[in-house]
Full PDB file with SEQRES, HELIX, SHEET, SSBOND, CRYST1, ORIGX, SCALE, CONECT and MASTER records, all heavy atoms in Angstrom:
SEQRES   1 A   42  ALA THR ALA ALA THR LEU ALA GLY SER GLY TYR ILE HIS          
SEQRES   2 A   42  ALA GLN LEU TYR VAL ASP GLU TYR ARG PHE ILE HIS VAL          
SEQRES   3 A   42  VAL GLY LEU LEU PHE LEU LEU GLN ALA SER THR SER PHE          
SEQRES   4 A   42  ALA VAL ALA                                                  
HELIX    1 AA1 THR A    2  ASP A   19  1                                  18    
HELIX    2 AA2 TYR A   21  PHE A   23  5                                   3    
HELIX    3 AA3 VAL A   27  VAL A   41  1                                  15    
CRYST1    1.000    1.000    1.000  90.00  90.00  90.00 P 1           1          
ORIGX1      1.000000  0.000000  0.000000        0.00000                         
ORIGX2      0.000000  1.000000  0.000000        0.00000                         
ORIGX3      0.000000  0.000000  1.000000        0.00000                         
SCALE1      1.000000  0.000000  0.000000        0.00000                         
SCALE2      0.000000  1.000000  0.000000        0.00000                         
SCALE3      0.000000  0.000000  1.000000        0.00000                         
ATOM      1  N   ALA A   1     -91.645  97.537  -9.279  1.00  0.00           N  
ATOM      2  CA  ALA A   1     -90.638  98.511  -8.861  1.00  0.00           C  
ATOM      3  C   ALA A   1     -89.692  98.851 -10.004  1.00  0.00           C  
ATOM      4  O   ALA A   1     -89.327 100.023 -10.187  1.00  0.00           O  
ATOM      5  CB  ALA A   1     -89.868  97.992  -7.649  1.00  0.00           C  
ATOM      6  N   THR A   2     -89.300  97.842 -10.754  1.00  0.00           N  
ATOM      7  CA  THR A   2     -88.415  98.087 -11.898  1.00  0.00           C  
ATOM      8  C   THR A   2     -89.119  98.956 -12.942  1.00  0.00           C  
ATOM      9  O   THR A   2     -88.532  99.894 -13.482  1.00  0.00           O  
ATOM     10  CB  THR A   2     -87.956  96.751 -12.519  1.00  0.00           C  
ATOM     11  OG1 THR A   2     -87.337  95.950 -11.511  1.00  0.00           O  
ATOM     12  CG2 THR A   2     -86.974  96.970 -13.652  1.00  0.00           C  
ATOM     13  N   ALA A   3     -90.367  98.646 -13.202  1.00  0.00           N  
ATOM     14  CA  ALA A   3     -91.139  99.454 -14.165  1.00  0.00           C  
ATOM     15  C   ALA A   3     -91.258 100.890 -13.658  1.00  0.00           C  
ATOM     16  O   ALA A   3     -91.146 101.843 -14.434  1.00  0.00           O  
ATOM     17  CB  ALA A   3     -92.514  98.836 -14.389  1.00  0.00           C  
ATOM     18  N   ALA A   4     -91.476 101.059 -12.368  1.00  0.00           N  
ATOM     19  CA  ALA A   4     -91.639 102.403 -11.790  1.00  0.00           C  
ATOM     20  C   ALA A   4     -90.334 103.225 -11.890  1.00  0.00           C  
ATOM     21  O   ALA A   4     -90.386 104.410 -12.258  1.00  0.00           O  
ATOM     22  CB  ALA A   4     -92.069 102.302 -10.345  1.00  0.00           C  
ATOM     23  N   THR A   5     -89.196 102.607 -11.593  1.00  0.00           N  
ATOM     24  CA  THR A   5     -87.954 103.368 -11.672  1.00  0.00           C  
ATOM     25  C   THR A   5     -87.605 103.714 -13.124  1.00  0.00           C  
ATOM     26  O   THR A   5     -87.115 104.816 -13.412  1.00  0.00           O  
ATOM     27  CB  THR A   5     -86.776 102.611 -11.036  1.00  0.00           C  
ATOM     28  OG1 THR A   5     -86.604 101.331 -11.654  1.00  0.00           O  
ATOM     29  CG2 THR A   5     -87.009 102.427  -9.530  1.00  0.00           C  
ATOM     30  N   LEU A   6     -87.895 102.799 -14.037  1.00  0.00           N  
ATOM     31  CA  LEU A   6     -87.626 103.062 -15.443  1.00  0.00           C  
ATOM     32  C   LEU A   6     -88.566 104.153 -15.970  1.00  0.00           C  
ATOM     33  O   LEU A   6     -88.141 105.067 -16.700  1.00  0.00           O  
ATOM     34  CB  LEU A   6     -87.782 101.774 -16.257  1.00  0.00           C  
ATOM     35  CG  LEU A   6     -87.119 101.761 -17.620  1.00  0.00           C  
ATOM     36  CD1 LEU A   6     -85.631 102.062 -17.541  1.00  0.00           C  
ATOM     37  CD2 LEU A   6     -87.321 100.399 -18.263  1.00  0.00           C  
ATOM     38  N   ALA A   7     -89.820 104.082 -15.589  1.00  0.00           N  
ATOM     39  CA  ALA A   7     -90.767 105.140 -15.996  1.00  0.00           C  
ATOM     40  C   ALA A   7     -90.395 106.474 -15.356  1.00  0.00           C  
ATOM     41  O   ALA A   7     -90.559 107.534 -15.983  1.00  0.00           O  
ATOM     42  CB  ALA A   7     -92.192 104.739 -15.597  1.00  0.00           C  
ATOM     43  N   GLY A   8     -89.896 106.437 -14.126  1.00  0.00           N  
ATOM     44  CA  GLY A   8     -89.441 107.677 -13.480  1.00  0.00           C  
ATOM     45  C   GLY A   8     -88.303 108.336 -14.254  1.00  0.00           C  
ATOM     46  O   GLY A   8     -88.316 109.564 -14.467  1.00  0.00           O  
ATOM     47  N   SER A   9     -87.363 107.546 -14.695  1.00  0.00           N  
ATOM     48  CA  SER A   9     -86.267 108.066 -15.509  1.00  0.00           C  
ATOM     49  C   SER A   9     -86.811 108.634 -16.813  1.00  0.00           C  
ATOM     50  O   SER A   9     -86.400 109.706 -17.254  1.00  0.00           O  
ATOM     51  CB  SER A   9     -85.267 106.953 -15.811  1.00  0.00           C  
ATOM     52  OG  SER A   9     -84.307 107.387 -16.759  1.00  0.00           O  
ATOM     53  N   GLY A  10     -87.752 107.931 -17.426  1.00  0.00           N  
ATOM     54  CA  GLY A  10     -88.375 108.417 -18.664  1.00  0.00           C  
ATOM     55  C   GLY A  10     -89.087 109.732 -18.445  1.00  0.00           C  
ATOM     56  O   GLY A  10     -88.993 110.660 -19.272  1.00  0.00           O  
ATOM     57  N   TYR A  11     -89.795 109.847 -17.330  1.00  0.00           N  
ATOM     58  CA  TYR A  11     -90.508 111.088 -17.028  1.00  0.00           C  
ATOM     59  C   TYR A  11     -89.545 112.265 -16.878  1.00  0.00           C  
ATOM     60  O   TYR A  11     -89.799 113.369 -17.393  1.00  0.00           O  
ATOM     61  CB  TYR A  11     -91.347 110.935 -15.754  1.00  0.00           C  
ATOM     62  CG  TYR A  11     -92.015 112.225 -15.354  1.00  0.00           C  
ATOM     63  CD1 TYR A  11     -93.157 112.664 -16.008  1.00  0.00           C  
ATOM     64  CD2 TYR A  11     -91.467 113.016 -14.359  1.00  0.00           C  
ATOM     65  CE1 TYR A  11     -93.766 113.871 -15.653  1.00  0.00           C  
ATOM     66  CE2 TYR A  11     -92.054 114.209 -14.001  1.00  0.00           C  
ATOM     67  CZ  TYR A  11     -93.215 114.636 -14.660  1.00  0.00           C  
ATOM     68  OH  TYR A  11     -93.787 115.832 -14.318  1.00  0.00           O  
ATOM     69  N   ILE A  12     -88.458 112.035 -16.194  1.00  0.00           N  
ATOM     70  CA  ILE A  12     -87.474 113.112 -15.979  1.00  0.00           C  
ATOM     71  C   ILE A  12     -86.908 113.552 -17.329  1.00  0.00           C  
ATOM     72  O   ILE A  12     -86.792 114.742 -17.619  1.00  0.00           O  
ATOM     73  CB  ILE A  12     -86.334 112.641 -15.054  1.00  0.00           C  
ATOM     74  CG1 ILE A  12     -86.889 112.449 -13.619  1.00  0.00           C  
ATOM     75  CG2 ILE A  12     -85.170 113.622 -15.058  1.00  0.00           C  
ATOM     76  CD1 ILE A  12     -85.974 111.680 -12.709  1.00  0.00           C  
ATOM     77  N   HIS A  13     -86.568 112.590 -18.205  1.00  0.00           N  
ATOM     78  CA  HIS A  13     -86.027 112.946 -19.504  1.00  0.00           C  
ATOM     79  C   HIS A  13     -87.074 113.636 -20.374  1.00  0.00           C  
ATOM     80  O   HIS A  13     -86.746 114.562 -21.135  1.00  0.00           O  
ATOM     81  CB  HIS A  13     -85.452 111.703 -20.207  1.00  0.00           C  
ATOM     82  CG  HIS A  13     -84.117 111.322 -19.678  1.00  0.00           C  
ATOM     83  ND1 HIS A  13     -83.950 110.572 -18.514  1.00  0.00           N  
ATOM     84  CD2 HIS A  13     -82.870 111.607 -20.102  1.00  0.00           C  
ATOM     85  CE1 HIS A  13     -82.678 110.430 -18.279  1.00  0.00           C  
ATOM     86  NE2 HIS A  13     -81.979 111.039 -19.223  1.00  0.00           N  
ATOM     87  N   ALA A  14     -88.328 113.218 -20.281  1.00  0.00           N  
ATOM     88  CA  ALA A  14     -89.400 113.877 -21.033  1.00  0.00           C  
ATOM     89  C   ALA A  14     -89.590 115.313 -20.546  1.00  0.00           C  
ATOM     90  O   ALA A  14     -89.754 116.233 -21.355  1.00  0.00           O  
ATOM     91  CB  ALA A  14     -90.713 113.092 -20.905  1.00  0.00           C  
ATOM     92  N   GLN A  15     -89.561 115.501 -19.245  1.00  0.00           N  
ATOM     93  CA  GLN A  15     -89.700 116.833 -18.671  1.00  0.00           C  
ATOM     94  C   GLN A  15     -88.566 117.736 -19.124  1.00  0.00           C  
ATOM     95  O   GLN A  15     -88.770 118.873 -19.512  1.00  0.00           O  
ATOM     96  CB  GLN A  15     -89.728 116.746 -17.147  1.00  0.00           C  
ATOM     97  CG  GLN A  15     -89.821 118.096 -16.463  1.00  0.00           C  
ATOM     98  CD  GLN A  15     -89.598 118.008 -14.961  1.00  0.00           C  
ATOM     99  OE1 GLN A  15     -88.810 117.169 -14.495  1.00  0.00           O  
ATOM    100  NE2 GLN A  15     -90.265 118.855 -14.217  1.00  0.00           N  
ATOM    101  N   LEU A  16     -87.345 117.218 -19.071  1.00  0.00           N  
ATOM    102  CA  LEU A  16     -86.197 118.028 -19.510  1.00  0.00           C  
ATOM    103  C   LEU A  16     -86.289 118.342 -20.996  1.00  0.00           C  
ATOM    104  O   LEU A  16     -85.930 119.447 -21.435  1.00  0.00           O  
ATOM    105  CB  LEU A  16     -84.890 117.300 -19.196  1.00  0.00           C  
ATOM    106  CG  LEU A  16     -84.497 117.273 -17.718  1.00  0.00           C  
ATOM    107  CD1 LEU A  16     -83.328 116.341 -17.485  1.00  0.00           C  
ATOM    108  CD2 LEU A  16     -84.192 118.670 -17.214  1.00  0.00           C  
ATOM    109  N   TYR A  17     -86.748 117.389 -21.790  1.00  0.00           N  
ATOM    110  CA  TYR A  17     -86.894 117.632 -23.216  1.00  0.00           C  
ATOM    111  C   TYR A  17     -87.874 118.779 -23.458  1.00  0.00           C  
ATOM    112  O   TYR A  17     -87.584 119.708 -24.204  1.00  0.00           O  
ATOM    113  CB  TYR A  17     -87.399 116.353 -23.934  1.00  0.00           C  
ATOM    114  CG  TYR A  17     -87.763 116.610 -25.371  1.00  0.00           C  
ATOM    115  CD1 TYR A  17     -86.783 116.688 -26.334  1.00  0.00           C  
ATOM    116  CD2 TYR A  17     -89.095 116.805 -25.728  1.00  0.00           C  
ATOM    117  CE1 TYR A  17     -87.121 116.957 -27.658  1.00  0.00           C  
ATOM    118  CE2 TYR A  17     -89.436 117.083 -27.051  1.00  0.00           C  
ATOM    119  CZ  TYR A  17     -88.436 117.152 -27.999  1.00  0.00           C  
ATOM    120  OH  TYR A  17     -88.762 117.425 -29.320  1.00  0.00           O  
ATOM    121  N   VAL A  18     -89.040 118.720 -22.830  1.00  0.00           N  
ATOM    122  CA  VAL A  18     -90.065 119.749 -23.018  1.00  0.00           C  
ATOM    123  C   VAL A  18     -89.589 121.108 -22.492  1.00  0.00           C  
ATOM    124  O   VAL A  18     -89.810 122.142 -23.140  1.00  0.00           O  
ATOM    125  CB  VAL A  18     -91.387 119.333 -22.329  1.00  0.00           C  
ATOM    126  CG1 VAL A  18     -92.372 120.476 -22.279  1.00  0.00           C  
ATOM    127  CG2 VAL A  18     -91.977 118.129 -23.052  1.00  0.00           C  
ATOM    128  N   ASP A  19     -88.955 121.133 -21.321  1.00  0.00           N  
ATOM    129  CA  ASP A  19     -88.573 122.387 -20.715  1.00  0.00           C  
ATOM    130  C   ASP A  19     -87.410 123.093 -21.397  1.00  0.00           C  
ATOM    131  O   ASP A  19     -87.428 124.329 -21.485  1.00  0.00           O  
ATOM    132  CB  ASP A  19     -88.216 122.174 -19.224  1.00  0.00           C  
ATOM    133  CG  ASP A  19     -89.442 121.843 -18.381  1.00  0.00           C  
ATOM    134  OD1 ASP A  19     -90.570 122.034 -18.883  1.00  0.00           O  
ATOM    135  OD2 ASP A  19     -89.261 121.393 -17.242  1.00  0.00           O  
ATOM    136  N   GLU A  20     -86.395 122.347 -21.834  1.00  0.00           N  
ATOM    137  CA  GLU A  20     -85.235 123.035 -22.369  1.00  0.00           C  
ATOM    138  C   GLU A  20     -84.408 122.260 -23.402  1.00  0.00           C  
ATOM    139  O   GLU A  20     -83.830 122.864 -24.307  1.00  0.00           O  
ATOM    140  CB  GLU A  20     -84.310 123.495 -21.242  1.00  0.00           C  
ATOM    141  CG  GLU A  20     -84.036 122.437 -20.196  1.00  0.00           C  
ATOM    142  CD  GLU A  20     -83.410 122.980 -18.931  1.00  0.00           C  
ATOM    143  OE1 GLU A  20     -82.181 123.203 -18.944  1.00  0.00           O  
ATOM    144  OE2 GLU A  20     -84.121 123.179 -17.928  1.00  0.00           O  
ATOM    145  N   TYR A  21     -84.337 120.952 -23.322  1.00  0.00           N  
ATOM    146  CA  TYR A  21     -83.412 120.189 -24.137  1.00  0.00           C  
ATOM    147  C   TYR A  21     -83.867 119.999 -25.592  1.00  0.00           C  
ATOM    148  O   TYR A  21     -83.065 119.639 -26.439  1.00  0.00           O  
ATOM    149  CB  TYR A  21     -83.133 118.844 -23.495  1.00  0.00           C  
ATOM    150  CG  TYR A  21     -82.199 118.948 -22.307  1.00  0.00           C  
ATOM    151  CD1 TYR A  21     -82.605 119.564 -21.144  1.00  0.00           C  
ATOM    152  CD2 TYR A  21     -80.900 118.474 -22.371  1.00  0.00           C  
ATOM    153  CE1 TYR A  21     -81.757 119.692 -20.054  1.00  0.00           C  
ATOM    154  CE2 TYR A  21     -80.041 118.591 -21.307  1.00  0.00           C  
ATOM    155  CZ  TYR A  21     -80.470 119.210 -20.145  1.00  0.00           C  
ATOM    156  OH  TYR A  21     -79.622 119.342 -19.086  1.00  0.00           O  
ATOM    157  N   ARG A  22     -85.117 120.256 -25.892  1.00  0.00           N  
ATOM    158  CA  ARG A  22     -85.602 120.071 -27.269  1.00  0.00           C  
ATOM    159  C   ARG A  22     -84.932 121.024 -28.236  1.00  0.00           C  
ATOM    160  O   ARG A  22     -84.936 120.800 -29.438  1.00  0.00           O  
ATOM    161  CB  ARG A  22     -87.114 120.199 -27.339  1.00  0.00           C  
ATOM    162  CG  ARG A  22     -87.614 121.596 -27.090  1.00  0.00           C  
ATOM    163  CD  ARG A  22     -89.103 121.686 -27.263  1.00  0.00           C  
ATOM    164  NE  ARG A  22     -89.556 123.024 -26.930  1.00  0.00           N  
ATOM    165  CZ  ARG A  22     -90.524 123.286 -26.091  1.00  0.00           C  
ATOM    166  NH1 ARG A  22     -91.204 122.301 -25.547  1.00  0.00           N  
ATOM    167  NH2 ARG A  22     -90.858 124.522 -25.852  1.00  0.00           N  
ATOM    168  N   PHE A  23     -84.330 122.094 -27.721  1.00  0.00           N  
ATOM    169  CA  PHE A  23     -83.670 123.070 -28.560  1.00  0.00           C  
ATOM    170  C   PHE A  23     -82.203 122.736 -28.820  1.00  0.00           C  
ATOM    171  O   PHE A  23     -81.549 123.436 -29.576  1.00  0.00           O  
ATOM    172  CB  PHE A  23     -83.784 124.467 -27.923  1.00  0.00           C  
ATOM    173  CG  PHE A  23     -85.210 124.870 -27.701  1.00  0.00           C  
ATOM    174  CD1 PHE A  23     -85.736 124.972 -26.422  1.00  0.00           C  
ATOM    175  CD2 PHE A  23     -86.057 125.130 -28.779  1.00  0.00           C  
ATOM    176  CE1 PHE A  23     -87.051 125.360 -26.218  1.00  0.00           C  
ATOM    177  CE2 PHE A  23     -87.360 125.515 -28.579  1.00  0.00           C  
ATOM    178  CZ  PHE A  23     -87.869 125.606 -27.301  1.00  0.00           C  
ATOM    179  N   ILE A  24     -81.678 121.693 -28.175  1.00  0.00           N  
ATOM    180  CA  ILE A  24     -80.274 121.335 -28.327  1.00  0.00           C  
ATOM    181  C   ILE A  24     -80.179 120.300 -29.454  1.00  0.00           C  
ATOM    182  O   ILE A  24     -80.778 119.216 -29.377  1.00  0.00           O  
ATOM    183  CB  ILE A  24     -79.692 120.771 -27.023  1.00  0.00           C  
ATOM    184  CG1 ILE A  24     -79.852 121.799 -25.903  1.00  0.00           C  
ATOM    185  CG2 ILE A  24     -78.229 120.394 -27.205  1.00  0.00           C  
ATOM    186  CD1 ILE A  24     -79.524 121.262 -24.525  1.00  0.00           C  
ATOM    187  N   HIS A  25     -79.424 120.642 -30.509  1.00  0.00           N  
ATOM    188  CA  HIS A  25     -79.286 119.778 -31.677  1.00  0.00           C  
ATOM    189  C   HIS A  25     -78.814 118.379 -31.295  1.00  0.00           C  
ATOM    190  O   HIS A  25     -77.895 118.232 -30.510  1.00  0.00           O  
ATOM    191  CB  HIS A  25     -78.289 120.425 -32.663  1.00  0.00           C  
ATOM    192  CG  HIS A  25     -78.114 119.658 -33.916  1.00  0.00           C  
ATOM    193  ND1 HIS A  25     -79.122 119.541 -34.850  1.00  0.00           N  
ATOM    194  CD2 HIS A  25     -77.069 118.956 -34.384  1.00  0.00           C  
ATOM    195  CE1 HIS A  25     -78.683 118.795 -35.849  1.00  0.00           C  
ATOM    196  NE2 HIS A  25     -77.455 118.448 -35.591  1.00  0.00           N  
ATOM    197  N   VAL A  26     -79.449 117.376 -31.774  1.00  0.00           N  
ATOM    198  CA  VAL A  26     -79.216 115.947 -31.579  1.00  0.00           C  
ATOM    199  C   VAL A  26     -79.502 115.521 -30.123  1.00  0.00           C  
ATOM    200  O   VAL A  26     -80.217 114.565 -29.905  1.00  0.00           O  
ATOM    201  CB  VAL A  26     -77.805 115.479 -32.002  1.00  0.00           C  
ATOM    202  CG1 VAL A  26     -77.600 114.010 -31.782  1.00  0.00           C  
ATOM    203  CG2 VAL A  26     -77.509 115.827 -33.456  1.00  0.00           C  
ATOM    204  N   VAL A  27     -78.970 116.222 -29.161  1.00  0.00           N  
ATOM    205  CA  VAL A  27     -79.156 115.843 -27.762  1.00  0.00           C  
ATOM    206  C   VAL A  27     -80.640 115.874 -27.384  1.00  0.00           C  
ATOM    207  O   VAL A  27     -81.128 114.998 -26.679  1.00  0.00           O  
ATOM    208  CB  VAL A  27     -78.322 116.764 -26.835  1.00  0.00           C  
ATOM    209  CG1 VAL A  27     -78.640 116.523 -25.360  1.00  0.00           C  
ATOM    210  CG2 VAL A  27     -76.850 116.576 -27.104  1.00  0.00           C  
ATOM    211  N   GLY A  28     -81.360 116.854 -27.885  1.00  0.00           N  
ATOM    212  CA  GLY A  28     -82.796 116.919 -27.610  1.00  0.00           C  
ATOM    213  C   GLY A  28     -83.509 115.675 -28.092  1.00  0.00           C  
ATOM    214  O   GLY A  28     -84.343 115.095 -27.357  1.00  0.00           O  
ATOM    215  N   LEU A  29     -83.193 115.237 -29.304  1.00  0.00           N  
ATOM    216  CA  LEU A  29     -83.812 114.006 -29.828  1.00  0.00           C  
ATOM    217  C   LEU A  29     -83.427 112.788 -29.011  1.00  0.00           C  
ATOM    218  O   LEU A  29     -84.227 111.872 -28.841  1.00  0.00           O  
ATOM    219  CB  LEU A  29     -83.433 113.821 -31.288  1.00  0.00           C  
ATOM    220  CG  LEU A  29     -84.093 114.818 -32.246  1.00  0.00           C  
ATOM    221  CD1 LEU A  29     -83.563 114.587 -33.665  1.00  0.00           C  
ATOM    222  CD2 LEU A  29     -85.586 114.697 -32.208  1.00  0.00           C  
ATOM    223  N   LEU A  30     -82.197 112.764 -28.503  1.00  0.00           N  
ATOM    224  CA  LEU A  30     -81.768 111.635 -27.665  1.00  0.00           C  
ATOM    225  C   LEU A  30     -82.561 111.587 -26.359  1.00  0.00           C  
ATOM    226  O   LEU A  30     -82.901 110.509 -25.863  1.00  0.00           O  
ATOM    227  CB  LEU A  30     -80.267 111.715 -27.398  1.00  0.00           C  
ATOM    228  CG  LEU A  30     -79.373 111.495 -28.609  1.00  0.00           C  
ATOM    229  CD1 LEU A  30     -77.904 111.743 -28.237  1.00  0.00           C  
ATOM    230  CD2 LEU A  30     -79.567 110.082 -29.169  1.00  0.00           C  
ATOM    231  N   PHE A  31     -82.878 112.760 -25.810  1.00  0.00           N  
ATOM    232  CA  PHE A  31     -83.693 112.816 -24.586  1.00  0.00           C  
ATOM    233  C   PHE A  31     -85.103 112.309 -24.881  1.00  0.00           C  
ATOM    234  O   PHE A  31     -85.684 111.548 -24.086  1.00  0.00           O  
ATOM    235  CB  PHE A  31     -83.756 114.244 -24.044  1.00  0.00           C  
ATOM    236  CG  PHE A  31     -82.700 114.530 -23.014  1.00  0.00           C  
ATOM    237  CD1 PHE A  31     -81.375 114.620 -23.373  1.00  0.00           C  
ATOM    238  CD2 PHE A  31     -83.036 114.697 -21.678  1.00  0.00           C  
ATOM    239  CE1 PHE A  31     -80.387 114.875 -22.443  1.00  0.00           C  
ATOM    240  CE2 PHE A  31     -82.038 114.958 -20.723  1.00  0.00           C  
ATOM    241  CZ  PHE A  31     -80.723 115.045 -21.124  1.00  0.00           C  
ATOM    242  N   LEU A  32     -85.647 112.693 -26.019  1.00  0.00           N  
ATOM    243  CA  LEU A  32     -86.978 112.230 -26.399  1.00  0.00           C  
ATOM    244  C   LEU A  32     -86.968 110.716 -26.641  1.00  0.00           C  
ATOM    245  O   LEU A  32     -87.890 109.988 -26.201  1.00  0.00           O  
ATOM    246  CB  LEU A  32     -87.442 112.960 -27.655  1.00  0.00           C  
ATOM    247  CG  LEU A  32     -88.847 112.674 -28.142  1.00  0.00           C  
ATOM    248  CD1 LEU A  32     -89.883 113.008 -27.056  1.00  0.00           C  
ATOM    249  CD2 LEU A  32     -89.136 113.455 -29.427  1.00  0.00           C  
ATOM    250  N   LEU A  33     -85.932 110.205 -27.278  1.00  0.00           N  
ATOM    251  CA  LEU A  33     -85.826 108.769 -27.522  1.00  0.00           C  
ATOM    252  C   LEU A  33     -85.688 108.008 -26.212  1.00  0.00           C  
ATOM    253  O   LEU A  33     -86.320 106.953 -26.037  1.00  0.00           O  
ATOM    254  CB  LEU A  33     -84.612 108.491 -28.427  1.00  0.00           C  
ATOM    255  CG  LEU A  33     -84.316 107.024 -28.738  1.00  0.00           C  
ATOM    256  CD1 LEU A  33     -85.464 106.422 -29.544  1.00  0.00           C  
ATOM    257  CD2 LEU A  33     -83.001 106.909 -29.499  1.00  0.00           C  
ATOM    258  N   GLN A  34     -84.888 108.514 -25.279  1.00  0.00           N  
ATOM    259  CA  GLN A  34     -84.706 107.841 -23.999  1.00  0.00           C  
ATOM    260  C   GLN A  34     -86.023 107.809 -23.222  1.00  0.00           C  
ATOM    261  O   GLN A  34     -86.400 106.790 -22.665  1.00  0.00           O  
ATOM    262  CB  GLN A  34     -83.624 108.534 -23.193  1.00  0.00           C  
ATOM    263  CG  GLN A  34     -83.070 107.725 -22.038  1.00  0.00           C  
ATOM    264  CD  GLN A  34     -83.942 107.672 -20.804  1.00  0.00           C  
ATOM    265  OE1 GLN A  34     -84.762 108.536 -20.557  1.00  0.00           O  
ATOM    266  NE2 GLN A  34     -83.765 106.650 -20.015  1.00  0.00           N  
ATOM    267  N   ALA A  35     -86.758 108.918 -23.228  1.00  0.00           N  
ATOM    268  CA  ALA A  35     -88.033 108.967 -22.519  1.00  0.00           C  
ATOM    269  C   ALA A  35     -89.029 107.981 -23.139  1.00  0.00           C  
ATOM    270  O   ALA A  35     -89.664 107.219 -22.414  1.00  0.00           O  
ATOM    271  CB  ALA A  35     -88.594 110.389 -22.561  1.00  0.00           C  
ATOM    272  N   SER A  36     -89.130 107.976 -24.437  1.00  0.00           N  
ATOM    273  CA  SER A  36     -90.084 107.089 -25.127  1.00  0.00           C  
ATOM    274  C   SER A  36     -89.754 105.629 -24.870  1.00  0.00           C  
ATOM    275  O   SER A  36     -90.643 104.808 -24.599  1.00  0.00           O  
ATOM    276  CB  SER A  36     -90.068 107.372 -26.634  1.00  0.00           C  
ATOM    277  OG  SER A  36     -90.388 108.706 -26.892  1.00  0.00           O  
ATOM    278  N   THR A  37     -88.483 105.299 -24.987  1.00  0.00           N  
ATOM    279  CA  THR A  37     -88.050 103.915 -24.792  1.00  0.00           C  
ATOM    280  C   THR A  37     -88.291 103.484 -23.344  1.00  0.00           C  
ATOM    281  O   THR A  37     -88.756 102.374 -23.080  1.00  0.00           O  
ATOM    282  CB  THR A  37     -86.570 103.745 -25.150  1.00  0.00           C  
ATOM    283  OG1 THR A  37     -86.379 104.203 -26.495  1.00  0.00           O  
ATOM    284  CG2 THR A  37     -86.130 102.317 -25.062  1.00  0.00           C  
ATOM    285  N   SER A  38     -87.984 104.364 -22.399  1.00  0.00           N  
ATOM    286  CA  SER A  38     -88.202 104.038 -20.985  1.00  0.00           C  
ATOM    287  C   SER A  38     -89.669 103.758 -20.706  1.00  0.00           C  
ATOM    288  O   SER A  38     -90.001 102.780 -20.028  1.00  0.00           O  
ATOM    289  CB  SER A  38     -87.738 105.202 -20.097  1.00  0.00           C  
ATOM    290  OG  SER A  38     -86.352 105.303 -20.143  1.00  0.00           O  
ATOM    291  N   PHE A  39     -90.573 104.605 -21.234  1.00  0.00           N  
ATOM    292  CA  PHE A  39     -91.996 104.386 -21.005  1.00  0.00           C  
ATOM    293  C   PHE A  39     -92.465 103.085 -21.645  1.00  0.00           C  
ATOM    294  O   PHE A  39     -93.250 102.332 -21.044  1.00  0.00           O  
ATOM    295  CB  PHE A  39     -92.824 105.559 -21.563  1.00  0.00           C  
ATOM    296  CG  PHE A  39     -92.703 106.824 -20.746  1.00  0.00           C  
ATOM    297  CD1 PHE A  39     -92.565 108.038 -21.388  1.00  0.00           C  
ATOM    298  CD2 PHE A  39     -92.753 106.814 -19.358  1.00  0.00           C  
ATOM    299  CE1 PHE A  39     -92.466 109.217 -20.647  1.00  0.00           C  
ATOM    300  CE2 PHE A  39     -92.664 107.988 -18.630  1.00  0.00           C  
ATOM    301  CZ  PHE A  39     -92.510 109.189 -19.269  1.00  0.00           C  
ATOM    302  N   ALA A  40     -92.030 102.808 -22.848  1.00  0.00           N  
ATOM    303  CA  ALA A  40     -92.433 101.578 -23.535  1.00  0.00           C  
ATOM    304  C   ALA A  40     -91.967 100.324 -22.804  1.00  0.00           C  
ATOM    305  O   ALA A  40     -92.743  99.386 -22.585  1.00  0.00           O  
ATOM    306  CB  ALA A  40     -91.923 101.593 -24.980  1.00  0.00           C  
ATOM    307  N   VAL A  41     -90.698 100.316 -22.416  1.00  0.00           N  
ATOM    308  CA  VAL A  41     -90.161  99.145 -21.708  1.00  0.00           C  
ATOM    309  C   VAL A  41     -90.819  98.990 -20.332  1.00  0.00           C  
ATOM    310  O   VAL A  41     -91.120  97.892 -19.901  1.00  0.00           O  
ATOM    311  CB  VAL A  41     -88.618  99.233 -21.615  1.00  0.00           C  
ATOM    312  CG1 VAL A  41     -88.052  98.113 -20.739  1.00  0.00           C  
ATOM    313  CG2 VAL A  41     -88.003  99.181 -22.999  1.00  0.00           C  
ATOM    314  N   ALA A  42     -91.055 100.121 -19.644  1.00  0.00           N  
ATOM    315  CA  ALA A  42     -91.729 100.068 -18.334  1.00  0.00           C  
ATOM    316  C   ALA A  42     -93.113  99.444 -18.477  1.00  0.00           C  
ATOM    317  O   ALA A  42     -93.514  98.606 -17.654  1.00  0.00           O  
ATOM    318  CB  ALA A  42     -91.819 101.450 -17.721  1.00  0.00           C  
TER     319      ALA A  42                                                      
MASTER        0    0    0    3    0    0    0    6  318    1    0    4          
END                                                                             
């Protein structure tokens, strides 16, 4: 369950990165970092 909730958060951040946040300076990279870290830890 913990892995699932963490992966869910990562998925949401990855989706937001791809859809719109990748164009926002620094913040886009932070979304990508959060998604990657969430998936790895999950």
